[in-house]
Structures are given as structure tokens and as C-alpha cells.
Amino acid sequence: MSQPPRAQRPDDVGGETSDAASALPMADGLVDSVTLMKGRRELIIRHGADTYRLRITASNKLILTK
């Protein structure tokens, strides 16, 4: 599986936040799945050297797989 392009971080773009970073309320750590998924059924997440797939199932459950 090829890896998706690396998401920009605030330090990558001269202090500006990316769309994903600005949408996430970091104060309480709570993120709504609708905000996170942005209408997609699947999201690829990079964590260190590993890649994970977060997807919404047909029964509207979230599954995270490596």
C-alpha cells in the first residue's frame, strides 16, 4: 500500500494551521467523527512509521486497522 502525502503541520507552513489541525479542539481532546472524517468513509492515519486505516462500516461503526 502506498502512503498518502504527508499532512502539513503548523511548523511546516510558517505558523499557519492546516485544515485538519484547525478543526480539532485540542483543549479537551474531544473530536467529533463527522469533523474528523469530513464526509469520507475512510481516513489514512500516520503514527510514527506506521500507517493505520480508520473507516466507517456499513453499520456506521468505526474500525481502526493497521
C-alpha atoms as a PDB file:
ATOM      1  CA  MET A   1       0.000   0.000   0.000  1.00  0.00           C
ATOM      2  CA  SER A   2       1.425   3.376  -0.946  1.00  0.00           C
ATOM      3  CA  GLN A   3       1.416   6.047   1.703  1.00  0.00           C
ATOM      4  CA  PRO A   4      -0.650   9.219   1.287  1.00  0.00           C
ATOM      5  CA  PRO A   5       1.088  12.588   1.120  1.00  0.00           C
ATOM      6  CA  ARG A   6       2.256  13.880   4.480  1.00  0.00           C
ATOM      7  CA  ALA A   7      -0.178  16.316   6.078  1.00  0.00           C
ATOM      8  CA  GLN A   8       1.207  19.772   6.716  1.00  0.00           C
ATOM      9  CA  ARG A   9       1.894  20.691  10.315  1.00  0.00           C
ATOM     10  CA  PRO A  10       1.835  24.224  11.710  1.00  0.00           C
ATOM     11  CA  ASP A  11       5.666  24.365  11.739  1.00  0.00           C
ATOM     12  CA  ASP A  12       5.716  23.291   8.053  1.00  0.00           C
ATOM     13  CA  VAL A  13       3.697  26.287   6.837  1.00  0.00           C
ATOM     14  CA  GLY A  14       5.139  29.228   8.691  1.00  0.00           C
ATOM     15  CA  GLY A  15       2.877  29.108  11.729  1.00  0.00           C
ATOM     16  CA  GLU A  16      -0.397  28.600   9.865  1.00  0.00           C
ATOM     17  CA  THR A  17      -2.503  25.611  10.814  1.00  0.00           C
ATOM     18  CA  SER A  18      -3.698  23.008   8.319  1.00  0.00           C
ATOM     19  CA  ASP A  19      -7.437  22.400   7.814  1.00  0.00           C
ATOM     20  CA  ALA A  20      -7.304  19.255   9.951  1.00  0.00           C
ATOM     21  CA  ALA A  21      -5.386  20.905  12.779  1.00  0.00           C
ATOM     22  CA  SER A  22      -7.706  23.907  12.936  1.00  0.00           C
ATOM     23  CA  ALA A  23     -10.808  21.679  13.032  1.00  0.00           C
ATOM     24  CA  LEU A  24      -9.649  19.692  16.059  1.00  0.00           C
ATOM     25  CA  PRO A  25     -10.485  21.099  19.505  1.00  0.00           C
ATOM     26  CA  MET A  26      -7.321  20.254  21.424  1.00  0.00           C
ATOM     27  CA  ALA A  27      -8.289  21.736  24.794  1.00  0.00           C
ATOM     28  CA  ASP A  28     -10.488  18.813  25.853  1.00  0.00           C
ATOM     29  CA  GLY A  29      -9.235  16.205  23.353  1.00  0.00           C
ATOM     30  CA  LEU A  30     -12.744  15.588  22.021  1.00  0.00           C
ATOM     31  CA  VAL A  31     -13.122  15.310  18.246  1.00  0.00           C
ATOM     32  CA  ASP A  32     -16.429  14.623  16.523  1.00  0.00           C
ATOM     33  CA  SER A  33     -16.119  11.870  13.916  1.00  0.00           C
ATOM     34  CA  VAL A  34     -18.027  13.985  11.373  1.00  0.00           C
ATOM     35  CA  THR A  35     -15.392  16.723  11.723  1.00  0.00           C
ATOM     36  CA  LEU A  36     -12.548  14.234  11.506  1.00  0.00           C
ATOM     37  CA  MET A  37     -13.859  12.286   8.503  1.00  0.00           C
ATOM     38  CA  LYS A  38     -15.135  15.347   6.553  1.00  0.00           C
ATOM     39  CA  GLY A  39     -17.665  13.286   4.585  1.00  0.00           C
ATOM     40  CA  ARG A  40     -15.225  10.476   3.776  1.00  0.00           C
ATOM     41  CA  ARG A  41     -15.797   6.816   4.642  1.00  0.00           C
ATOM     42  CA  GLU A  42     -12.085   6.136   5.123  1.00  0.00           C
ATOM     43  CA  LEU A  43      -9.102   8.021   6.512  1.00  0.00           C
ATOM     44  CA  ILE A  44      -5.414   7.063   6.476  1.00  0.00           C
ATOM     45  CA  ILE A  45      -3.537   7.993   9.656  1.00  0.00           C
ATOM     46  CA  ARG A  46       0.232   8.028  10.004  1.00  0.00           C
ATOM     47  CA  HIS A  47       1.546   7.395  13.515  1.00  0.00           C
ATOM     48  CA  GLY A  48       5.339   7.453  13.541  1.00  0.00           C
ATOM     49  CA  ALA A  49       6.482   4.931  10.947  1.00  0.00           C
ATOM     50  CA  ASP A  50       3.149   3.069  10.955  1.00  0.00           C
ATOM     51  CA  THR A  51       0.076   3.670   8.804  1.00  0.00           C
ATOM     52  CA  TYR A  52      -3.451   2.984  10.055  1.00  0.00           C
ATOM     53  CA  ARG A  53      -6.812   2.992   8.280  1.00  0.00           C
ATOM     54  CA  LEU A  54      -9.864   4.432  10.056  1.00  0.00           C
ATOM     55  CA  ARG A  55     -13.082   3.563   8.290  1.00  0.00           C
ATOM     56  CA  ILE A  56     -16.813   3.772   8.792  1.00  0.00           C
ATOM     57  CA  THR A  57     -18.539   0.423   8.287  1.00  0.00           C
ATOM     58  CA  ALA A  58     -21.882  -0.246   6.609  1.00  0.00           C
ATOM     59  CA  SER A  59     -23.412  -0.394  10.112  1.00  0.00           C
ATOM     60  CA  ASN A  60     -21.941   3.058  10.900  1.00  0.00           C
ATOM     61  CA  LYS A  61     -19.240   1.799  13.292  1.00  0.00           C
ATOM     62  CA  LEU A  62     -15.626   2.990  13.317  1.00  0.00           C
ATOM     63  CA  ILE A  63     -12.849   0.463  12.727  1.00  0.00           C
ATOM     64  CA  LEU A  64      -9.138   1.240  13.037  1.00  0.00           C
ATOM     65  CA  THR A  65      -6.783  -1.267  11.384  1.00  0.00           C
ATOM     66  CA  LYS A  66      -3.051  -1.354  10.860  1.00  0.00           C
END
